[in-house]
Amino acid sequence: MQMLYDSDSFVVVHMLADADLGAAKDDAGNKTPLPPQLVRHGFEIVDKRSGKEVYLDGSWAEMFQQQILAWQRNTPTQEEVEDTLDGYVGLAQNPVVIH
């Protein structure tokens, strides 16, 4: 988990996939390969004003990753970042319980 952005209005966290490609031991101590895991990452955007969050994964996460790369190239103002994040507020349906 990596904090990407934190302001008075928003928090953005990049959730990194933790795929374990090792092997597990059974009761007899024999190693057995773990079943394949889908390695995915996502982004959690918390709207502090409404107390709701949205988790972006799949194609939404890919789109948001492209936005982050564009921000790294162009260094936007805080207002530009917040305007973009505000566009995701409509997707935020889950209340934040613990953060």
C-alpha atoms as a PDB file:
ATOM      1  CA  MET A   1       0.000   0.000   0.000  1.00  0.00           C
ATOM      2  CA  GLN A   2       1.394   3.386  -0.983  1.00  0.00           C
ATOM      3  CA  MET A   3      -0.062   6.794  -0.129  1.00  0.00           C
ATOM      4  CA  LEU A   4      -0.118   8.902  -3.306  1.00  0.00           C
ATOM      5  CA  TYR A   5      -2.068  11.968  -2.245  1.00  0.00           C
ATOM      6  CA  ASP A   6      -3.426  13.450   0.969  1.00  0.00           C
ATOM      7  CA  SER A   7      -5.212  16.791   1.280  1.00  0.00           C
ATOM      8  CA  ASP A   8      -8.022  18.293   3.337  1.00  0.00           C
ATOM      9  CA  SER A   9     -10.519  16.836   0.821  1.00  0.00           C
ATOM     10  CA  PHE A  10      -9.055  13.583  -0.536  1.00  0.00           C
ATOM     11  CA  VAL A  11      -6.770  10.649   0.141  1.00  0.00           C
ATOM     12  CA  VAL A  12      -5.513   8.431  -2.684  1.00  0.00           C
ATOM     13  CA  VAL A  13      -3.836   5.115  -1.905  1.00  0.00           C
ATOM     14  CA  HIS A  14      -2.301   2.683  -4.398  1.00  0.00           C
ATOM     15  CA  MET A  15      -3.027  -0.885  -3.339  1.00  0.00           C
ATOM     16  CA  LEU A  16      -0.263  -3.104  -4.676  1.00  0.00           C
ATOM     17  CA  ALA A  17      -0.802  -6.783  -5.401  1.00  0.00           C
ATOM     18  CA  ASP A  18       0.953  -9.205  -3.050  1.00  0.00           C
ATOM     19  CA  ALA A  19       0.990 -12.414  -5.053  1.00  0.00           C
ATOM     20  CA  ASP A  20       2.724 -15.263  -3.258  1.00  0.00           C
ATOM     21  CA  LEU A  21       4.360 -17.393  -5.917  1.00  0.00           C
ATOM     22  CA  GLY A  22       5.887 -19.837  -3.445  1.00  0.00           C
ATOM     23  CA  ALA A  23       4.682 -23.188  -2.221  1.00  0.00           C
ATOM     24  CA  ALA A  24       2.647 -24.290   0.763  1.00  0.00           C
ATOM     25  CA  LYS A  25       3.368 -27.236   3.042  1.00  0.00           C
ATOM     26  CA  ASP A  26       0.720 -29.844   3.687  1.00  0.00           C
ATOM     27  CA  ASP A  27       0.265 -31.738   6.986  1.00  0.00           C
ATOM     28  CA  ALA A  28       3.049 -34.186   6.054  1.00  0.00           C
ATOM     29  CA  GLY A  29       5.478 -31.323   5.371  1.00  0.00           C
ATOM     30  CA  ASN A  30       5.431 -31.817   1.592  1.00  0.00           C
ATOM     31  CA  LYS A  31       5.576 -28.692  -0.534  1.00  0.00           C
ATOM     32  CA  THR A  32       2.693 -28.192  -2.913  1.00  0.00           C
ATOM     33  CA  PRO A  33       2.530 -25.327  -5.407  1.00  0.00           C
ATOM     34  CA  LEU A  34      -0.023 -22.656  -4.659  1.00  0.00           C
ATOM     35  CA  PRO A  35      -2.845 -22.225  -7.162  1.00  0.00           C
ATOM     36  CA  PRO A  36      -2.325 -19.370  -9.644  1.00  0.00           C
ATOM     37  CA  GLN A  37      -3.409 -15.977  -8.362  1.00  0.00           C
ATOM     38  CA  LEU A  38      -4.639 -13.044 -10.378  1.00  0.00           C
ATOM     39  CA  VAL A  39      -2.159 -10.258  -9.680  1.00  0.00           C
ATOM     40  CA  ARG A  40      -4.050  -6.972  -9.639  1.00  0.00           C
ATOM     41  CA  HIS A  41      -3.567  -3.581  -8.196  1.00  0.00           C
ATOM     42  CA  GLY A  42      -6.022  -0.815  -7.513  1.00  0.00           C
ATOM     43  CA  PHE A  43      -6.543   2.651  -6.141  1.00  0.00           C
ATOM     44  CA  GLU A  44      -8.649   3.718  -3.204  1.00  0.00           C
ATOM     45  CA  ILE A  45      -9.955   7.284  -3.349  1.00  0.00           C
ATOM     46  CA  VAL A  46     -11.435   8.618  -0.117  1.00  0.00           C
ATOM     47  CA  ASP A  47     -13.574  11.744  -0.206  1.00  0.00           C
ATOM     48  CA  LYS A  48     -13.059  13.184   3.268  1.00  0.00           C
ATOM     49  CA  ARG A  49     -15.901  15.660   2.789  1.00  0.00           C
ATOM     50  CA  SER A  50     -18.580  12.995   2.318  1.00  0.00           C
ATOM     51  CA  GLY A  51     -16.874  10.231   4.291  1.00  0.00           C
ATOM     52  CA  LYS A  52     -17.131   7.826   1.324  1.00  0.00           C
ATOM     53  CA  GLU A  53     -14.595   5.865  -0.663  1.00  0.00           C
ATOM     54  CA  VAL A  54     -14.311   4.186  -4.031  1.00  0.00           C
ATOM     55  CA  TYR A  55     -11.938   1.388  -5.018  1.00  0.00           C
ATOM     56  CA  LEU A  56     -10.791   1.388  -8.622  1.00  0.00           C
ATOM     57  CA  ASP A  57      -9.493  -1.831 -10.136  1.00  0.00           C
ATOM     58  CA  GLY A  58      -9.388  -3.408 -13.579  1.00  0.00           C
ATOM     59  CA  SER A  59      -9.902  -0.956 -16.433  1.00  0.00           C
ATOM     60  CA  TRP A  60     -10.783   1.851 -13.986  1.00  0.00           C
ATOM     61  CA  ALA A  61      -7.402   1.386 -12.282  1.00  0.00           C
ATOM     62  CA  GLU A  62      -5.628   1.361 -15.644  1.00  0.00           C
ATOM     63  CA  MET A  63      -7.343   4.622 -16.604  1.00  0.00           C
ATOM     64  CA  PHE A  64      -6.450   6.197 -13.273  1.00  0.00           C
ATOM     65  CA  GLN A  65      -2.836   4.989 -13.631  1.00  0.00           C
ATOM     66  CA  GLN A  66      -2.670   6.838 -16.962  1.00  0.00           C
ATOM     67  CA  GLN A  67      -3.917   9.983 -15.205  1.00  0.00           C
ATOM     68  CA  ILE A  68      -1.197   9.632 -12.563  1.00  0.00           C
ATOM     69  CA  LEU A  69       1.463   9.247 -15.261  1.00  0.00           C
ATOM     70  CA  ALA A  70       0.141  12.399 -16.956  1.00  0.00           C
ATOM     71  CA  TRP A  71       0.339  14.245 -13.618  1.00  0.00           C
ATOM     72  CA  GLN A  72       3.956  13.132 -13.222  1.00  0.00           C
ATOM     73  CA  ARG A  73       4.807  14.560 -16.650  1.00  0.00           C
ATOM     74  CA  ASN A  74       2.877  17.831 -16.313  1.00  0.00           C
ATOM     75  CA  THR A  75       2.932  18.636 -12.566  1.00  0.00           C
ATOM     76  CA  PRO A  76      -0.656  19.850 -12.103  1.00  0.00           C
ATOM     77  CA  THR A  77      -1.816  22.308  -9.486  1.00  0.00           C
ATOM     78  CA  GLN A  78      -3.616  21.043  -6.397  1.00  0.00           C
ATOM     79  CA  GLU A  79      -6.838  22.480  -7.810  1.00  0.00           C
ATOM     80  CA  GLU A  80      -6.437  20.444 -11.027  1.00  0.00           C
ATOM     81  CA  VAL A  81      -5.787  17.252  -9.048  1.00  0.00           C
ATOM     82  CA  GLU A  82      -8.772  17.871  -6.786  1.00  0.00           C
ATOM     83  CA  ASP A  83     -11.036  18.625  -9.766  1.00  0.00           C
ATOM     84  CA  THR A  84     -10.069  15.281 -11.311  1.00  0.00           C
ATOM     85  CA  LEU A  85     -10.580  13.403  -8.038  1.00  0.00           C
ATOM     86  CA  ASP A  86     -13.925  15.153  -7.605  1.00  0.00           C
ATOM     87  CA  GLY A  87     -14.999  13.461 -10.846  1.00  0.00           C
ATOM     88  CA  TYR A  88     -14.742  10.096  -9.095  1.00  0.00           C
ATOM     89  CA  VAL A  89     -16.929  11.155  -6.144  1.00  0.00           C
ATOM     90  CA  GLY A  90     -20.058   9.986  -7.959  1.00  0.00           C
ATOM     91  CA  LEU A  91     -18.663   6.444  -7.874  1.00  0.00           C
ATOM     92  CA  ALA A  92     -18.038   6.599  -4.121  1.00  0.00           C
ATOM     93  CA  GLN A  93     -20.838   4.618  -2.495  1.00  0.00           C
ATOM     94  CA  ASN A  94     -19.045   2.932   0.404  1.00  0.00           C
ATOM     95  CA  PRO A  95     -18.922   4.801   3.706  1.00  0.00           C
ATOM     96  CA  VAL A  96     -15.500   4.920   5.314  1.00  0.00           C
ATOM     97  CA  VAL A  97     -15.664   2.980   8.550  1.00  0.00           C
ATOM     98  CA  ILE A  98     -11.996   2.874   9.632  1.00  0.00           C
ATOM     99  CA  HIS A  99      -9.211   4.992   8.141  1.00  0.00           C
END
